[in-house]
Amino acid sequence: MTKTILNTRAVEQQKHTQEIFEKNGFQVINFPCLEIVTVSDTDLVRKQIVETSDSDVFVFTSQNAVIHAFKIQPNWKISRNATVIAVGNKTAEILEQHYSGDIWVPEKHNSEGAIELIKGLKKTLSLALITGKLGRDEIQNYCESNKIKLTQINVYQRQIPTVDSDVIQEIQNSKDLLILATSTTTLAHIKKMVSEDLYKKLQQQTIISASDRITEFAMKQGFQNIMTTNTADPEKIYLFL
């Protein structure tokens, strides 16, 4: 029996994720639960970029952080004297298109991994965090605890996409769904995007969780059947299934 993936990835990641799963024999229902858009206050971002030009460390938390930062300020020249950290190989790959200096990628592709790298630096007095609104606060808390001057530059924000009624009907008619959950935001948005009855049905389906943190959140949301892959890469996720 062909397994059906409920593809909840962000709008811009839908096509790539769909292609990988279909290539490997899965059916896919595309139901984006997250849309990434550039912040409206771009003047503030440009001002912060100027003000942080002499920061000791620059941390880009995701691909979106790089994409939207350079969309706002295409000619941004980061100092070669700074330590530049990109969370994730894909983040580093995109950043290389705009910055030719050394880019450090933490072993763990998350905030904790970035903090481990920062701990290993000889001197960090100031740090610019290029990220999105309403993200996690690990790096912020670390800077506060270690008296590091932090400037958080929010270049993108997450929002709920427009819901397609035809897709809702397709979900209602489907059985044994494998629901991708690559962020807690995705799961939080699902609840807001569907009816109470449909949400109860989804709670009986299988969640494919990208991390222990997402698994914990899913359990709190009432999901019982959860598979934790510890990766958000669809090329690796399908191997678990």
Protein backbone atom coordinates (compact mmCIF):
# COMPACT_ATOMS: atom_id res chain seq x y z
CA MET A 1 0.00 0.00 0.00
CA THR A 2 1.36 3.41 -0.99
CA LYS A 3 2.02 5.67 1.98
CA THR A 4 0.71 9.24 1.91
CA ILE A 5 2.79 12.16 3.16
CA LEU A 6 1.07 15.31 4.39
CA ASN A 7 3.65 17.85 3.26
CA THR A 8 3.42 20.69 5.78
CA ARG A 9 6.73 22.32 4.88
CA ALA A 10 6.95 26.06 4.27
CA VAL A 11 5.61 27.33 0.94
CA GLU A 12 9.06 27.73 -0.61
CA GLN A 13 10.09 24.18 0.44
CA GLN A 14 6.97 22.42 -0.84
CA LYS A 15 8.10 21.53 -4.36
CA HIS A 16 11.50 20.13 -3.36
CA THR A 17 10.00 18.02 -0.57
CA GLN A 18 7.22 16.74 -2.83
CA GLU A 19 9.66 15.71 -5.56
CA ILE A 20 11.84 13.71 -3.17
CA PHE A 21 8.98 11.73 -1.65
CA GLU A 22 7.23 11.08 -4.97
CA LYS A 23 10.52 9.92 -6.49
CA ASN A 24 10.74 7.36 -3.69
CA GLY A 25 7.25 5.96 -4.11
CA PHE A 26 5.12 8.04 -1.74
CA GLN A 27 1.90 9.87 -2.47
CA VAL A 28 2.03 13.52 -1.35
CA ILE A 29 -0.65 15.97 -0.28
CA ASN A 30 0.79 19.48 -0.26
CA PHE A 31 -0.53 21.42 2.72
CA PRO A 32 1.91 24.25 3.54
CA CYS A 33 1.48 25.34 7.15
CA LEU A 34 4.11 28.04 7.12
CA GLU A 35 4.97 30.98 4.89
CA ILE A 36 8.15 32.98 5.29
CA VAL A 37 7.99 36.66 4.33
CA THR A 38 10.37 39.60 4.65
CA VAL A 39 9.69 41.86 7.63
CA SER A 40 7.90 45.10 6.81
CA ASP A 41 10.32 47.39 8.68
CA THR A 42 13.25 47.05 6.30
CA ASP A 43 14.62 50.48 7.25
CA LEU A 44 15.25 49.19 10.78
CA VAL A 45 17.12 46.19 9.39
CA ARG A 46 19.38 48.40 7.26
CA LYS A 47 20.05 50.61 10.28
CA GLN A 48 20.97 47.59 12.42
CA ILE A 49 23.28 46.24 9.71
CA VAL A 50 25.20 49.52 9.72
CA GLU A 51 25.32 49.67 13.52
CA THR A 52 26.67 46.11 13.85
CA SER A 53 29.38 46.42 11.20
CA ASP A 54 32.15 45.96 13.79
CA SER A 55 30.56 43.02 15.66
CA ASP A 56 32.90 40.20 16.70
CA VAL A 57 30.47 37.49 15.62
CA PHE A 58 27.66 37.20 13.06
CA VAL A 59 25.25 34.27 13.38
CA PHE A 60 22.83 33.39 10.56
CA THR A 61 20.28 30.99 12.02
CA SER A 62 18.80 29.61 8.79
CA GLN A 63 18.64 29.76 5.01
CA ASN A 64 15.80 32.24 5.37
CA ALA A 65 17.96 34.50 7.51
CA VAL A 66 20.52 34.74 4.70
CA ILE A 67 17.99 35.06 1.88
CA HIS A 68 15.93 37.82 3.47
CA ALA A 69 18.90 39.73 4.92
CA PHE A 70 20.50 40.11 1.51
CA LYS A 71 17.14 40.76 -0.10
CA ILE A 72 16.86 43.79 2.18
CA GLN A 73 20.52 44.84 1.90
CA PRO A 74 22.03 43.28 -1.28
CA ASN A 75 25.37 45.09 -0.97
CA TRP A 76 26.02 44.13 2.67
CA LYS A 77 29.75 43.60 3.20
CA ILE A 78 30.50 41.64 6.37
CA SER A 79 33.91 42.35 7.91
CA ARG A 80 36.57 39.71 7.25
CA ASN A 81 37.75 40.27 10.84
CA ALA A 82 34.51 38.88 12.23
CA THR A 83 33.65 35.26 12.97
CA VAL A 84 30.74 34.24 10.75
CA ILE A 85 28.57 31.29 11.79
CA ALA A 86 25.92 29.65 9.60
CA VAL A 87 23.56 27.17 11.25
CA GLY A 88 23.34 24.34 8.73
CA ASN A 89 25.24 23.41 5.58
CA LYS A 90 22.55 24.80 3.29
CA THR A 91 22.67 28.10 5.19
CA ALA A 92 26.43 28.24 4.65
CA GLU A 93 26.05 27.35 0.97
CA ILE A 94 23.68 30.26 0.38
CA LEU A 95 25.82 32.63 2.46
CA GLU A 96 28.86 31.78 0.32
CA GLN A 97 27.10 33.56 -2.55
CA HIS A 98 27.38 36.83 -0.61
CA TYR A 99 30.45 36.40 1.61
CA SER A 100 33.83 34.99 0.55
CA GLY A 101 35.43 34.77 4.00
CA ASP A 102 35.52 31.78 6.34
CA ILE A 103 32.13 30.46 7.42
CA TRP A 104 31.83 28.23 10.48
CA VAL A 105 29.10 25.57 10.56
CA PRO A 106 28.36 24.04 13.98
CA GLU A 107 28.36 20.26 14.31
CA LYS A 108 24.81 20.47 15.66
CA HIS A 109 22.67 22.40 13.20
CA ASN A 110 20.77 24.37 15.84
CA SER A 111 21.17 27.14 18.40
CA GLU A 112 22.96 24.85 20.84
CA GLY A 113 25.54 24.05 18.18
CA ALA A 114 26.11 27.75 17.48
CA ILE A 115 26.60 28.39 21.20
CA GLU A 116 29.23 25.64 21.39
CA LEU A 117 31.17 27.37 18.61
CA ILE A 118 30.87 30.76 20.32
CA LYS A 119 32.16 29.26 23.58
CA GLY A 120 35.32 28.20 21.75
CA LEU A 121 36.18 31.72 20.58
CA LYS A 122 38.88 33.68 22.40
CA LYS A 123 36.96 36.92 22.68
CA THR A 124 33.35 37.75 21.99
CA LEU A 125 32.18 41.16 23.14
CA SER A 126 29.47 41.73 20.54
CA LEU A 127 27.27 39.49 18.42
CA ALA A 128 24.81 40.15 15.60
CA LEU A 129 22.08 37.52 15.36
CA ILE A 130 20.41 37.43 11.95
CA THR A 131 17.16 35.52 12.35
CA GLY A 132 13.36 35.65 12.21
CA LYS A 133 10.73 37.04 14.54
CA LEU A 134 9.49 34.83 17.37
CA GLY A 135 12.29 32.31 17.20
CA ARG A 136 13.93 30.42 20.05
CA ASP A 137 15.90 32.34 22.69
CA GLU A 138 18.91 30.10 23.43
CA ILE A 139 21.51 32.38 21.84
CA GLN A 140 19.89 35.48 23.32
CA ASN A 141 19.98 33.93 26.80
CA TYR A 142 23.60 32.85 26.35
CA CYS A 143 24.65 36.38 25.37
CA GLU A 144 22.83 37.88 28.33
CA SER A 145 24.42 35.42 30.76
CA ASN A 146 27.91 36.07 29.37
CA LYS A 147 27.62 39.86 29.05
CA ILE A 148 27.90 39.78 25.26
CA LYS A 149 26.34 42.78 23.52
CA LEU A 150 23.63 41.29 21.33
CA THR A 151 21.85 42.86 18.39
CA GLN A 152 19.03 40.72 17.06
CA ILE A 153 18.28 41.55 13.44
CA ASN A 154 14.88 40.13 12.49
CA VAL A 155 14.81 39.87 8.70
CA TYR A 156 11.82 37.57 8.19
CA GLN A 157 8.64 36.49 9.90
CA ARG A 158 6.46 33.40 9.83
CA GLN A 159 2.79 33.52 8.93
CA ILE A 160 -0.08 31.15 8.18
CA PRO A 161 -0.61 30.60 4.43
CA THR A 162 -3.99 30.79 2.71
CA VAL A 163 -5.87 27.51 3.18
CA ASP A 164 -6.94 25.67 0.01
CA SER A 165 -10.42 24.16 0.53
CA ASP A 166 -9.76 21.46 -2.08
CA VAL A 167 -6.72 20.30 -0.11
CA ILE A 168 -8.78 20.23 3.10
CA GLN A 169 -11.26 17.94 1.34
CA GLU A 170 -8.42 15.70 0.14
CA ILE A 171 -7.10 15.42 3.70
CA GLN A 172 -10.58 14.55 5.00
CA ASN A 173 -10.85 11.75 2.43
CA SER A 174 -7.41 10.31 3.21
CA LYS A 175 -6.45 7.55 5.62
CA ASP A 176 -3.17 6.68 7.35
CA LEU A 177 -1.41 9.98 6.80
CA LEU A 178 2.23 10.58 7.66
CA ILE A 179 2.34 14.21 8.80
CA LEU A 180 5.66 16.00 8.40
CA ALA A 181 6.50 18.11 11.45
CA THR A 182 9.75 20.00 10.95
CA SER A 183 8.99 22.78 13.44
CA THR A 184 6.74 23.47 16.41
CA THR A 185 5.36 26.44 14.48
CA THR A 186 4.10 24.06 11.78
CA LEU A 187 2.18 22.02 14.34
CA ALA A 188 0.79 25.12 16.02
CA HIS A 189 -0.45 26.43 12.67
CA ILE A 190 -2.15 23.16 11.70
CA LYS A 191 -4.55 23.55 14.62
CA LYS A 192 -5.52 27.02 13.39
CA MET A 193 -5.93 25.96 9.76
CA VAL A 194 -8.39 23.07 10.07
CA SER A 195 -11.74 22.43 11.75
CA GLU A 196 -11.91 20.90 15.21
CA ASP A 197 -13.23 17.62 13.78
CA LEU A 198 -10.46 17.38 11.20
CA TYR A 199 -7.85 18.20 13.84
CA LYS A 200 -9.14 15.30 15.96
CA LYS A 201 -8.69 13.03 12.94
CA LEU A 202 -5.14 14.31 12.40
CA GLN A 203 -4.30 13.58 16.04
CA GLN A 204 -4.88 9.90 15.24
CA GLN A 205 -2.40 9.95 12.34
CA THR A 206 1.38 9.50 12.51
CA ILE A 207 3.61 12.51 13.08
CA ILE A 208 7.06 12.45 11.47
CA SER A 209 8.99 14.67 13.88
CA ALA A 210 12.33 16.27 13.01
CA SER A 211 13.55 16.60 16.63
CA ASP A 212 12.94 15.59 20.24
CA ARG A 213 11.69 19.11 20.95
CA ILE A 214 9.04 18.83 18.23
CA THR A 215 8.08 15.38 19.50
CA GLU A 216 7.56 16.77 22.99
CA PHE A 217 5.43 19.59 21.58
CA ALA A 218 3.39 17.14 19.47
CA MET A 219 2.63 15.03 22.53
CA LYS A 220 1.37 18.12 24.34
CA GLN A 221 -0.87 18.80 21.33
CA GLY A 222 -2.50 15.40 21.74
CA PHE A 223 -0.66 13.40 19.07
CA GLN A 224 0.14 9.84 20.16
CA ASN A 225 1.74 8.17 17.13
CA ILE A 226 5.06 9.93 16.66
CA MET A 227 8.23 8.91 14.82
CA THR A 228 11.31 11.02 15.59
CA THR A 229 13.86 11.20 12.76
CA ASN A 230 16.18 13.88 14.20
CA THR A 231 16.45 15.43 10.75
CA ALA A 232 14.40 17.82 8.63
CA ASP A 233 16.07 16.67 5.41
CA PRO A 234 13.49 14.86 3.22
CA GLU A 235 16.32 12.90 1.58
CA LYS A 236 16.96 11.30 4.99
CA ILE A 237 13.40 11.26 6.35
CA TYR A 238 12.04 8.88 3.71
CA LEU A 239 14.64 6.28 4.75
CA PHE A 240 12.90 6.02 8.14
CA LEU A 241 9.56 5.25 6.51
